[in-house]
Amino acid sequence: MTTRGYVMMSYQWDDQPMVKKIADRLKQHGYNVWIDIEKMHGFIFDTMADAVKNADVVLACFSEKYQQSDNCKSEGNCMRQFRKEFIPIKMEAGYSPDGWVATIFGGHLYVDFSQATDPIIFETKIYELLQQLGLKSVFRDIEAVSMPNVSSPIASATESSIQPKLLSKQDNCPLNEVVFRDLGEELGNDWRRLATFLGVPYVKQEKISAKHPGDMEEQTIAMLLEWKKATKRGDNRVDILSTALNKAGRIDLAELVEELGGT
């Protein structure tokens, strides 16, 4: 029996592997997650209706098969009947909502997990989902937060995809607080996206935001200093940072950082 508010996962069974991965990550961030493979009992329709009714928010993981499912349609109708908060999650690339899915979820922002088999994309979409959950009244147990260590998918994916070159043993890195301040003046809201590609854990991002409320320049500097401290001696930080900036869509700043590596 659930005694605290929770996030309910509404999905079609073909998407279960990715849905379970999302649910597991939300649990690591302190959210109480209701998913049928763990909570289902009794008469299925009564159980699902109660799950929707008592949820703080429903994550509607939609796809073509979700639209075709009578069970998923019943859950959608329950969301509308009980006026539940929901966040649409796109699970299938190329699928455009139609029929009852479009009627209920049309016009709402969704988080696109259709390409999230890529570890970097998965972490980016988890960040987007956490941002949306943060705007809703969802119970979160901060003491239960259990973030992955350095061997987490984001750290491993960042390391393998960037493949940093080795510097000399002196490690004369040109990246310092002055450079970070210049980046802070330009990045604005993009610092959180950059942090994700650099592998800075979401919990640390939250602490940085809390320490420097409303000051994105200082948030950027603190994040970059935190990232630099976590890198290893011999890592080509210029290469890592410029690659992350490119992935974050800041090609202009990536080129400036690359120039530092050539000096």
C-alpha atoms as a PDB file:
ATOM      1  CA  MET A   1       0.000   0.000   0.000  1.00  0.00           C
ATOM      2  CA  THR A   2       1.394   3.390  -1.023  1.00  0.00           C
ATOM      3  CA  THR A   3       1.318   5.974   1.753  1.00  0.00           C
ATOM      4  CA  ARG A   4       3.232   8.776   0.026  1.00  0.00           C
ATOM      5  CA  GLY A   5       2.671  10.551  -3.233  1.00  0.00           C
ATOM      6  CA  TYR A   6       4.184   8.897  -6.269  1.00  0.00           C
ATOM      7  CA  VAL A   7       4.918   9.077  -9.953  1.00  0.00           C
ATOM      8  CA  MET A   8       2.919   6.550 -11.986  1.00  0.00           C
ATOM      9  CA  MET A   9       4.321   5.006 -15.176  1.00  0.00           C
ATOM     10  CA  SER A  10       1.622   4.523 -17.838  1.00  0.00           C
ATOM     11  CA  TYR A  11       3.006   2.575 -20.794  1.00  0.00           C
ATOM     12  CA  GLN A  12       2.551  -0.251 -23.313  1.00  0.00           C
ATOM     13  CA  TRP A  13       4.485  -3.422 -22.494  1.00  0.00           C
ATOM     14  CA  ASP A  14       6.751  -3.307 -25.562  1.00  0.00           C
ATOM     15  CA  ASP A  15       8.377  -0.226 -24.008  1.00  0.00           C
ATOM     16  CA  GLN A  16       8.916  -1.855 -20.628  1.00  0.00           C
ATOM     17  CA  PRO A  17      12.773  -2.016 -20.748  1.00  0.00           C
ATOM     18  CA  MET A  18      13.139   1.742 -21.309  1.00  0.00           C
ATOM     19  CA  VAL A  19      10.270   2.562 -18.918  1.00  0.00           C
ATOM     20  CA  LYS A  20      11.899   0.509 -16.163  1.00  0.00           C
ATOM     21  CA  LYS A  21      15.214   2.274 -16.819  1.00  0.00           C
ATOM     22  CA  ILE A  22      13.483   5.652 -16.453  1.00  0.00           C
ATOM     23  CA  ALA A  23      11.711   4.487 -13.280  1.00  0.00           C
ATOM     24  CA  ASP A  24      14.977   3.249 -11.754  1.00  0.00           C
ATOM     25  CA  ARG A  25      16.668   6.579 -12.417  1.00  0.00           C
ATOM     26  CA  LEU A  26      13.768   8.518 -10.890  1.00  0.00           C
ATOM     27  CA  LYS A  27      14.076   6.354  -7.768  1.00  0.00           C
ATOM     28  CA  GLN A  28      17.755   7.294  -7.581  1.00  0.00           C
ATOM     29  CA  HIS A  29      16.604  10.910  -7.472  1.00  0.00           C
ATOM     30  CA  GLY A  30      14.294  10.243  -4.519  1.00  0.00           C
ATOM     31  CA  TYR A  31      10.972   9.784  -6.324  1.00  0.00           C
ATOM     32  CA  ASN A  32       8.468   7.125  -5.290  1.00  0.00           C
ATOM     33  CA  VAL A  33       7.554   5.366  -8.549  1.00  0.00           C
ATOM     34  CA  TRP A  34       4.490   3.203  -9.241  1.00  0.00           C
ATOM     35  CA  ILE A  35       5.032   0.692 -12.046  1.00  0.00           C
ATOM     36  CA  ASP A  36       2.729  -2.247 -12.697  1.00  0.00           C
ATOM     37  CA  ILE A  37       5.433  -4.953 -12.687  1.00  0.00           C
ATOM     38  CA  GLU A  38       6.078  -4.097  -9.020  1.00  0.00           C
ATOM     39  CA  LYS A  39       2.678  -2.920  -7.760  1.00  0.00           C
ATOM     40  CA  MET A  40       0.003  -4.797  -9.703  1.00  0.00           C
ATOM     41  CA  HIS A  41      -2.437  -6.915  -7.688  1.00  0.00           C
ATOM     42  CA  GLY A  42      -6.120  -7.815  -7.701  1.00  0.00           C
ATOM     43  CA  PHE A  43      -8.463  -6.875 -10.543  1.00  0.00           C
ATOM     44  CA  ILE A  44      -6.372  -5.119 -13.192  1.00  0.00           C
ATOM     45  CA  PHE A  45      -8.785  -2.320 -14.116  1.00  0.00           C
ATOM     46  CA  ASP A  46      -9.534  -1.402 -10.496  1.00  0.00           C
ATOM     47  CA  THR A  47      -5.822  -1.440  -9.659  1.00  0.00           C
ATOM     48  CA  MET A  48      -4.884   0.795 -12.598  1.00  0.00           C
ATOM     49  CA  ALA A  49      -7.739   3.209 -11.905  1.00  0.00           C
ATOM     50  CA  ASP A  50      -6.673   3.510  -8.247  1.00  0.00           C
ATOM     51  CA  ALA A  51      -3.049   3.965  -9.312  1.00  0.00           C
ATOM     52  CA  VAL A  52      -3.985   6.879 -11.572  1.00  0.00           C
ATOM     53  CA  LYS A  53      -6.343   8.413  -9.000  1.00  0.00           C
ATOM     54  CA  ASN A  54      -3.775   8.413  -6.200  1.00  0.00           C
ATOM     55  CA  ALA A  55      -0.751   9.485  -8.253  1.00  0.00           C
ATOM     56  CA  ASP A  56       0.809  12.924  -7.896  1.00  0.00           C
ATOM     57  CA  VAL A  57       1.645  12.838 -11.593  1.00  0.00           C
ATOM     58  CA  VAL A  58       1.384  10.262 -14.396  1.00  0.00           C
ATOM     59  CA  LEU A  59       4.148   9.762 -16.948  1.00  0.00           C
ATOM     60  CA  ALA A  60       2.260   8.810 -20.125  1.00  0.00           C
ATOM     61  CA  CYS A  61       4.788   6.915 -22.264  1.00  0.00           C
ATOM     62  CA  PHE A  62       3.053   7.113 -25.618  1.00  0.00           C
ATOM     63  CA  SER A  63       3.650   5.274 -28.889  1.00  0.00           C
ATOM     64  CA  GLU A  64       1.533   3.791 -31.659  1.00  0.00           C
ATOM     65  CA  LYS A  65       1.006   0.597 -29.648  1.00  0.00           C
ATOM     66  CA  TYR A  66       0.144   2.721 -26.586  1.00  0.00           C
ATOM     67  CA  GLN A  67      -2.571   4.355 -28.672  1.00  0.00           C
ATOM     68  CA  GLN A  68      -3.869   0.945 -29.820  1.00  0.00           C
ATOM     69  CA  SER A  69      -3.986  -0.496 -26.290  1.00  0.00           C
ATOM     70  CA  ASP A  70      -7.380  -0.605 -24.576  1.00  0.00           C
ATOM     71  CA  ASN A  71      -5.690  -0.674 -21.154  1.00  0.00           C
ATOM     72  CA  CYS A  72      -3.636   2.419 -21.955  1.00  0.00           C
ATOM     73  CA  LYS A  73      -6.747   4.168 -23.258  1.00  0.00           C
ATOM     74  CA  SER A  74      -8.517   3.372 -19.971  1.00  0.00           C
ATOM     75  CA  GLU A  75      -5.616   4.914 -18.052  1.00  0.00           C
ATOM     76  CA  GLY A  76      -5.784   7.988 -20.284  1.00  0.00           C
ATOM     77  CA  ASN A  77      -9.505   8.346 -19.616  1.00  0.00           C
ATOM     78  CA  CYS A  78      -8.806   8.024 -15.876  1.00  0.00           C
ATOM     79  CA  MET A  79      -6.255  10.837 -16.114  1.00  0.00           C
ATOM     80  CA  ARG A  80      -8.903  13.040 -17.685  1.00  0.00           C
ATOM     81  CA  GLN A  81     -11.664  11.914 -15.301  1.00  0.00           C
ATOM     82  CA  PHE A  82      -9.557  12.523 -12.183  1.00  0.00           C
ATOM     83  CA  ARG A  83      -7.952  15.679 -13.657  1.00  0.00           C
ATOM     84  CA  LYS A  84      -4.496  14.287 -12.965  1.00  0.00           C
ATOM     85  CA  GLU A  85      -1.221  16.037 -13.659  1.00  0.00           C
ATOM     86  CA  PHE A  86       0.682  14.243 -16.410  1.00  0.00           C
ATOM     87  CA  ILE A  87       3.859  14.488 -18.452  1.00  0.00           C
ATOM     88  CA  PRO A  88       3.780  12.919 -21.932  1.00  0.00           C
ATOM     89  CA  ILE A  89       6.863  10.809 -22.776  1.00  0.00           C
ATOM     90  CA  LYS A  90       7.477  10.034 -26.445  1.00  0.00           C
ATOM     91  CA  MET A  91       8.732   6.457 -26.853  1.00  0.00           C
ATOM     92  CA  GLU A  92       8.651   5.912 -30.617  1.00  0.00           C
ATOM     93  CA  ALA A  93      10.579   7.919 -33.210  1.00  0.00           C
ATOM     94  CA  GLY A  94       8.427   9.141 -36.094  1.00  0.00           C
ATOM     95  CA  TYR A  95       5.151   8.572 -34.267  1.00  0.00           C
ATOM     96  CA  SER A  96       2.690  11.481 -34.251  1.00  0.00           C
ATOM     97  CA  PRO A  97      -0.107  11.319 -31.651  1.00  0.00           C
ATOM     98  CA  ASP A  98      -3.519  10.569 -33.108  1.00  0.00           C
ATOM     99  CA  GLY A  99      -6.977   9.675 -31.850  1.00  0.00           C
ATOM    100  CA  TRP A 100      -7.459   9.625 -28.077  1.00  0.00           C
ATOM    101  CA  VAL A 101      -3.731  10.208 -27.447  1.00  0.00           C
ATOM    102  CA  ALA A 102      -3.874  13.484 -29.378  1.00  0.00           C
ATOM    103  CA  THR A 103      -7.135  14.437 -27.650  1.00  0.00           C
ATOM    104  CA  ILE A 104      -5.735  14.034 -24.131  1.00  0.00           C
ATOM    105  CA  PHE A 105      -2.060  14.926 -24.564  1.00  0.00           C
ATOM    106  CA  GLY A 106      -2.160  17.237 -27.596  1.00  0.00           C
ATOM    107  CA  GLY A 107      -0.749  20.702 -26.968  1.00  0.00           C
ATOM    108  CA  HIS A 108       1.345  19.592 -23.981  1.00  0.00           C
ATOM    109  CA  LEU A 109       5.132  19.615 -23.879  1.00  0.00           C
ATOM    110  CA  TYR A 110       6.598  16.127 -23.952  1.00  0.00           C
ATOM    111  CA  VAL A 111       9.995  14.598 -23.223  1.00  0.00           C
ATOM    112  CA  ASP A 112      11.361  12.651 -26.187  1.00  0.00           C
ATOM    113  CA  PHE A 113      12.933   9.348 -25.103  1.00  0.00           C
ATOM    114  CA  SER A 114      12.581   7.785 -28.577  1.00  0.00           C
ATOM    115  CA  GLN A 115      16.363   7.964 -29.173  1.00  0.00           C
ATOM    116  CA  ALA A 116      17.366   7.382 -25.552  1.00  0.00           C
ATOM    117  CA  THR A 117      19.136   4.083 -26.121  1.00  0.00           C
ATOM    118  CA  ASP A 118      22.160   6.360 -26.519  1.00  0.00           C
ATOM    119  CA  PRO A 119      23.490   6.894 -22.946  1.00  0.00           C
ATOM    120  CA  ILE A 120      24.221  10.595 -23.456  1.00  0.00           C
ATOM    121  CA  ILE A 121      20.751  11.252 -24.871  1.00  0.00           C
ATOM    122  CA  PHE A 122      19.208   9.224 -22.035  1.00  0.00           C
ATOM    123  CA  GLU A 123      20.902  11.362 -19.383  1.00  0.00           C
ATOM    124  CA  THR A 124      19.900  14.554 -21.191  1.00  0.00           C
ATOM    125  CA  LYS A 125      16.266  13.441 -21.326  1.00  0.00           C
ATOM    126  CA  ILE A 126      16.323  12.390 -17.683  1.00  0.00           C
ATOM    127  CA  TYR A 127      17.479  15.915 -16.867  1.00  0.00           C
ATOM    128  CA  GLU A 128      14.580  17.371 -18.914  1.00  0.00           C
ATOM    129  CA  LEU A 129      12.137  15.063 -17.140  1.00  0.00           C
ATOM    130  CA  LEU A 130      13.477  16.040 -13.719  1.00  0.00           C
ATOM    131  CA  GLN A 131      13.052  19.685 -14.667  1.00  0.00           C
ATOM    132  CA  GLN A 132       9.382  19.104 -15.512  1.00  0.00           C
ATOM    133  CA  LEU A 133       8.775  17.067 -12.361  1.00  0.00           C
ATOM    134  CA  GLY A 134      10.302  19.899 -10.367  1.00  0.00           C
ATOM    135  CA  LEU A 135       7.506  22.182 -11.581  1.00  0.00           C
ATOM    136  CA  LYS A 136       4.821  19.877 -10.198  1.00  0.00           C
ATOM    137  CA  SER A 137       3.778  18.974  -6.657  1.00  0.00           C
ATOM    138  CA  VAL A 138       5.411  15.548  -6.508  1.00  0.00           C
ATOM    139  CA  PHE A 139       6.693  13.981  -3.300  1.00  0.00           C
ATOM    140  CA  ARG A 140      10.460  13.489  -3.331  1.00  0.00           C
ATOM    141  CA  ASP A 141      12.492  11.887  -0.551  1.00  0.00           C
ATOM    142  CA  ILE A 142      15.782  13.823  -0.622  1.00  0.00           C
ATOM    143  CA  GLU A 143      17.322  11.463   1.945  1.00  0.00           C
ATOM    144  CA  ALA A 144      16.706   8.542  -0.430  1.00  0.00           C
ATOM    145  CA  VAL A 145      18.673  10.110  -3.288  1.00  0.00           C
ATOM    146  CA  SER A 146      21.234   7.590  -4.504  1.00  0.00           C
ATOM    147  CA  MET A 147      23.216   8.867  -7.467  1.00  0.00           C
ATOM    148  CA  PRO A 148      25.493   6.626  -9.536  1.00  0.00           C
ATOM    149  CA  ASN A 149      29.242   6.845  -8.933  1.00  0.00           C
ATOM    150  CA  VAL A 150      31.851   7.646 -11.562  1.00  0.00           C
ATOM    151  CA  SER A 151      31.045   4.419 -13.397  1.00  0.00           C
ATOM    152  CA  SER A 152      27.522   5.671 -14.187  1.00  0.00           C
ATOM    153  CA  PRO A 153      26.264   5.609 -17.814  1.00  0.00           C
ATOM    154  CA  ILE A 154      26.809   9.353 -18.266  1.00  0.00           C
ATOM    155  CA  ALA A 155      30.392   9.179 -17.026  1.00  0.00           C
ATOM    156  CA  SER A 156      31.181   6.093 -19.099  1.00  0.00           C
ATOM    157  CA  ALA A 157      29.472   7.458 -22.196  1.00  0.00           C
ATOM    158  CA  THR A 158      31.213  10.810 -21.884  1.00  0.00           C
ATOM    159  CA  GLU A 159      34.586   9.154 -21.467  1.00  0.00           C
ATOM    160  CA  SER A 160      34.144   6.768 -24.384  1.00  0.00           C
ATOM    161  CA  SER A 161      32.582   9.244 -26.805  1.00  0.00           C
ATOM    162  CA  ILE A 162      34.985  12.111 -26.180  1.00  0.00           C
ATOM    163  CA  GLN A 163      38.169   9.998 -25.985  1.00  0.00           C
ATOM    164  CA  PRO A 164      40.332  12.749 -24.477  1.00  0.00           C
ATOM    165  CA  LYS A 165      43.898  13.064 -25.615  1.00  0.00           C
ATOM    166  CA  LEU A 166      46.720  12.999 -23.083  1.00  0.00           C
ATOM    167  CA  LEU A 167      48.635  16.124 -22.163  1.00  0.00           C
ATOM    168  CA  SER A 168      52.161  16.217 -20.860  1.00  0.00           C
ATOM    169  CA  LYS A 169      52.837  15.245 -17.255  1.00  0.00           C
ATOM    170  CA  GLN A 170      52.998  18.933 -16.329  1.00  0.00           C
ATOM    171  CA  ASP A 171      49.301  19.176 -17.370  1.00  0.00           C
ATOM    172  CA  ASN A 172      49.513  22.872 -18.208  1.00  0.00           C
ATOM    173  CA  CYS A 173      45.772  23.365 -18.552  1.00  0.00           C
ATOM    174  CA  PRO A 174      44.796  26.858 -19.821  1.00  0.00           C
ATOM    175  CA  LEU A 175      41.313  26.550 -18.305  1.00  0.00           C
ATOM    176  CA  ASN A 176      41.100  28.733 -15.204  1.00  0.00           C
ATOM    177  CA  GLU A 177      38.518  30.801 -13.359  1.00  0.00           C
ATOM    178  CA  VAL A 178      39.004  33.757 -15.714  1.00  0.00           C
ATOM    179  CA  VAL A 179      38.133  31.589 -18.708  1.00  0.00           C
ATOM    180  CA  PHE A 180      35.223  30.057 -16.804  1.00  0.00           C
ATOM    181  CA  ARG A 181      33.915  33.527 -15.973  1.00  0.00           C
ATOM    182  CA  ASP A 182      33.998  34.475 -19.656  1.00  0.00           C
ATOM    183  CA  LEU A 183      32.015  31.328 -20.443  1.00  0.00           C
ATOM    184  CA  GLY A 184      29.606  32.123 -17.627  1.00  0.00           C
ATOM    185  CA  GLU A 185      28.813  35.488 -19.168  1.00  0.00           C
ATOM    186  CA  GLU A 186      27.808  33.812 -22.419  1.00  0.00           C
ATOM    187  CA  LEU A 187      26.215  30.497 -21.443  1.00  0.00           C
ATOM    188  CA  GLY A 188      23.149  31.652 -19.497  1.00  0.00           C
ATOM    189  CA  ASN A 189      20.606  28.828 -19.107  1.00  0.00           C
ATOM    190  CA  ASP A 190      22.756  26.546 -21.264  1.00  0.00           C
ATOM    191  CA  TRP A 191      25.065  25.831 -18.318  1.00  0.00           C
ATOM    192  CA  ARG A 192      22.796  23.009 -17.104  1.00  0.00           C
ATOM    193  CA  ARG A 193      22.854  21.348 -20.524  1.00  0.00           C
ATOM    194  CA  LEU A 194      26.636  21.699 -20.665  1.00  0.00           C
ATOM    195  CA  ALA A 195      26.914  20.224 -17.170  1.00  0.00           C
ATOM    196  CA  THR A 196      24.975  17.160 -18.299  1.00  0.00           C
ATOM    197  CA  PHE A 197      27.334  16.546 -21.221  1.00  0.00           C
ATOM    198  CA  LEU A 198      30.319  17.018 -18.910  1.00  0.00           C
ATOM    199  CA  GLY A 199      28.940  14.334 -16.621  1.00  0.00           C
ATOM    200  CA  VAL A 200      28.262  16.607 -13.642  1.00  0.00           C
ATOM    201  CA  PRO A 201      25.589  14.762 -11.588  1.00  0.00           C
ATOM    202  CA  TYR A 202      22.143  16.314 -11.347  1.00  0.00           C
ATOM    203  CA  VAL A 203      22.362  16.440  -7.541  1.00  0.00           C
ATOM    204  CA  LYS A 204      25.511  18.586  -7.756  1.00  0.00           C
ATOM    205  CA  GLN A 205      23.814  20.832 -10.294  1.00  0.00           C
ATOM    206  CA  GLU A 206      20.954  21.324  -7.842  1.00  0.00           C
ATOM    207  CA  LYS A 207      23.348  22.191  -5.010  1.00  0.00           C
ATOM    208  CA  ILE A 208      25.145  24.713  -7.218  1.00  0.00           C
ATOM    209  CA  SER A 209      21.831  26.343  -8.176  1.00  0.00           C
ATOM    210  CA  ALA A 210      20.804  26.542  -4.516  1.00  0.00           C
ATOM    211  CA  LYS A 211      24.143  28.059  -3.508  1.00  0.00           C
ATOM    212  CA  HIS A 212      23.973  30.756  -6.214  1.00  0.00           C
ATOM    213  CA  PRO A 213      20.226  31.423  -6.674  1.00  0.00           C
ATOM    214  CA  GLY A 214      19.428  33.473  -9.759  1.00  0.00           C
ATOM    215  CA  ASP A 215      23.094  34.049 -10.635  1.00  0.00           C
ATOM    216  CA  MET A 216      23.747  31.937 -13.735  1.00  0.00           C
ATOM    217  CA  GLU A 217      27.246  33.306 -14.202  1.00  0.00           C
ATOM    218  CA  GLU A 218      28.318  32.135 -10.748  1.00  0.00           C
ATOM    219  CA  GLN A 219      26.442  28.864 -11.255  1.00  0.00           C
ATOM    220  CA  THR A 220      28.427  28.275 -14.457  1.00  0.00           C
ATOM    221  CA  ILE A 221      31.752  29.045 -12.796  1.00  0.00           C
ATOM    222  CA  ALA A 222      31.000  26.791  -9.821  1.00  0.00           C
ATOM    223  CA  MET A 223      29.908  23.963 -12.127  1.00  0.00           C
ATOM    224  CA  LEU A 224      33.024  24.213 -14.285  1.00  0.00           C
ATOM    225  CA  LEU A 225      35.295  24.301 -11.252  1.00  0.00           C
ATOM    226  CA  GLU A 226      33.495  21.241  -9.894  1.00  0.00           C
ATOM    227  CA  TRP A 227      33.943  19.462 -13.216  1.00  0.00           C
ATOM    228  CA  LYS A 228      37.626  20.404 -13.485  1.00  0.00           C
ATOM    229  CA  LYS A 229      38.257  19.123  -9.957  1.00  0.00           C
ATOM    230  CA  ALA A 230      36.703  15.774 -10.885  1.00  0.00           C
ATOM    231  CA  THR A 231      38.879  15.267 -13.985  1.00  0.00           C
ATOM    232  CA  LYS A 232      42.074  13.266 -13.868  1.00  0.00           C
ATOM    233  CA  ARG A 233      45.607  14.496 -14.266  1.00  0.00           C
ATOM    234  CA  GLY A 234      46.523  14.022 -17.909  1.00  0.00           C
ATOM    235  CA  ASP A 235      42.972  14.486 -19.242  1.00  0.00           C
ATOM    236  CA  ASN A 236      42.806  16.940 -22.111  1.00  0.00           C
ATOM    237  CA  ARG A 237      40.271  19.236 -20.464  1.00  0.00           C
ATOM    238  CA  VAL A 238      40.240  21.639 -23.404  1.00  0.00           C
ATOM    239  CA  ASP A 239      39.226  18.799 -25.738  1.00  0.00           C
ATOM    240  CA  ILE A 240      36.603  17.493 -23.295  1.00  0.00           C
ATOM    241  CA  LEU A 241      35.078  20.934 -22.702  1.00  0.00           C
ATOM    242  CA  SER A 242      35.011  21.928 -26.380  1.00  0.00           C
ATOM    243  CA  THR A 243      33.362  18.604 -27.296  1.00  0.00           C
ATOM    244  CA  ALA A 244      30.726  19.062 -24.579  1.00  0.00           C
ATOM    245  CA  LEU A 245      30.046  22.625 -25.752  1.00  0.00           C
ATOM    246  CA  ASN A 246      29.516  21.339 -29.290  1.00  0.00           C
ATOM    247  CA  LYS A 247      27.070  18.704 -28.009  1.00  0.00           C
ATOM    248  CA  ALA A 248      25.258  21.419 -26.037  1.00  0.00           C
ATOM    249  CA  GLY A 249      24.811  23.447 -29.213  1.00  0.00           C
ATOM    250  CA  ARG A 250      27.317  26.196 -28.301  1.00  0.00           C
ATOM    251  CA  ILE A 251      29.655  25.859 -31.270  1.00  0.00           C
ATOM    252  CA  ASP A 252      30.687  29.498 -30.876  1.00  0.00           C
ATOM    253  CA  LEU A 253      32.067  28.900 -27.390  1.00  0.00           C
ATOM    254  CA  ALA A 254      33.555  25.544 -28.399  1.00  0.00           C
ATOM    255  CA  GLU A 255      35.683  27.297 -31.014  1.00  0.00           C
ATOM    256  CA  LEU A 256      36.928  29.794 -28.434  1.00  0.00           C
ATOM    257  CA  VAL A 257      37.923  26.986 -26.066  1.00  0.00           C
ATOM    258  CA  GLU A 258      39.664  25.114 -28.891  1.00  0.00           C
ATOM    259  CA  GLU A 259      41.763  28.203 -29.544  1.00  0.00           C
ATOM    260  CA  LEU A 260      43.047  27.958 -25.983  1.00  0.00           C
ATOM    261  CA  GLY A 261      44.279  24.453 -26.724  1.00  0.00           C
ATOM    262  CA  GLY A 262      46.274  25.750 -29.661  1.00  0.00           C
ATOM    263  CA  THR A 263      48.080  28.431 -27.712  1.00  0.00           C
END
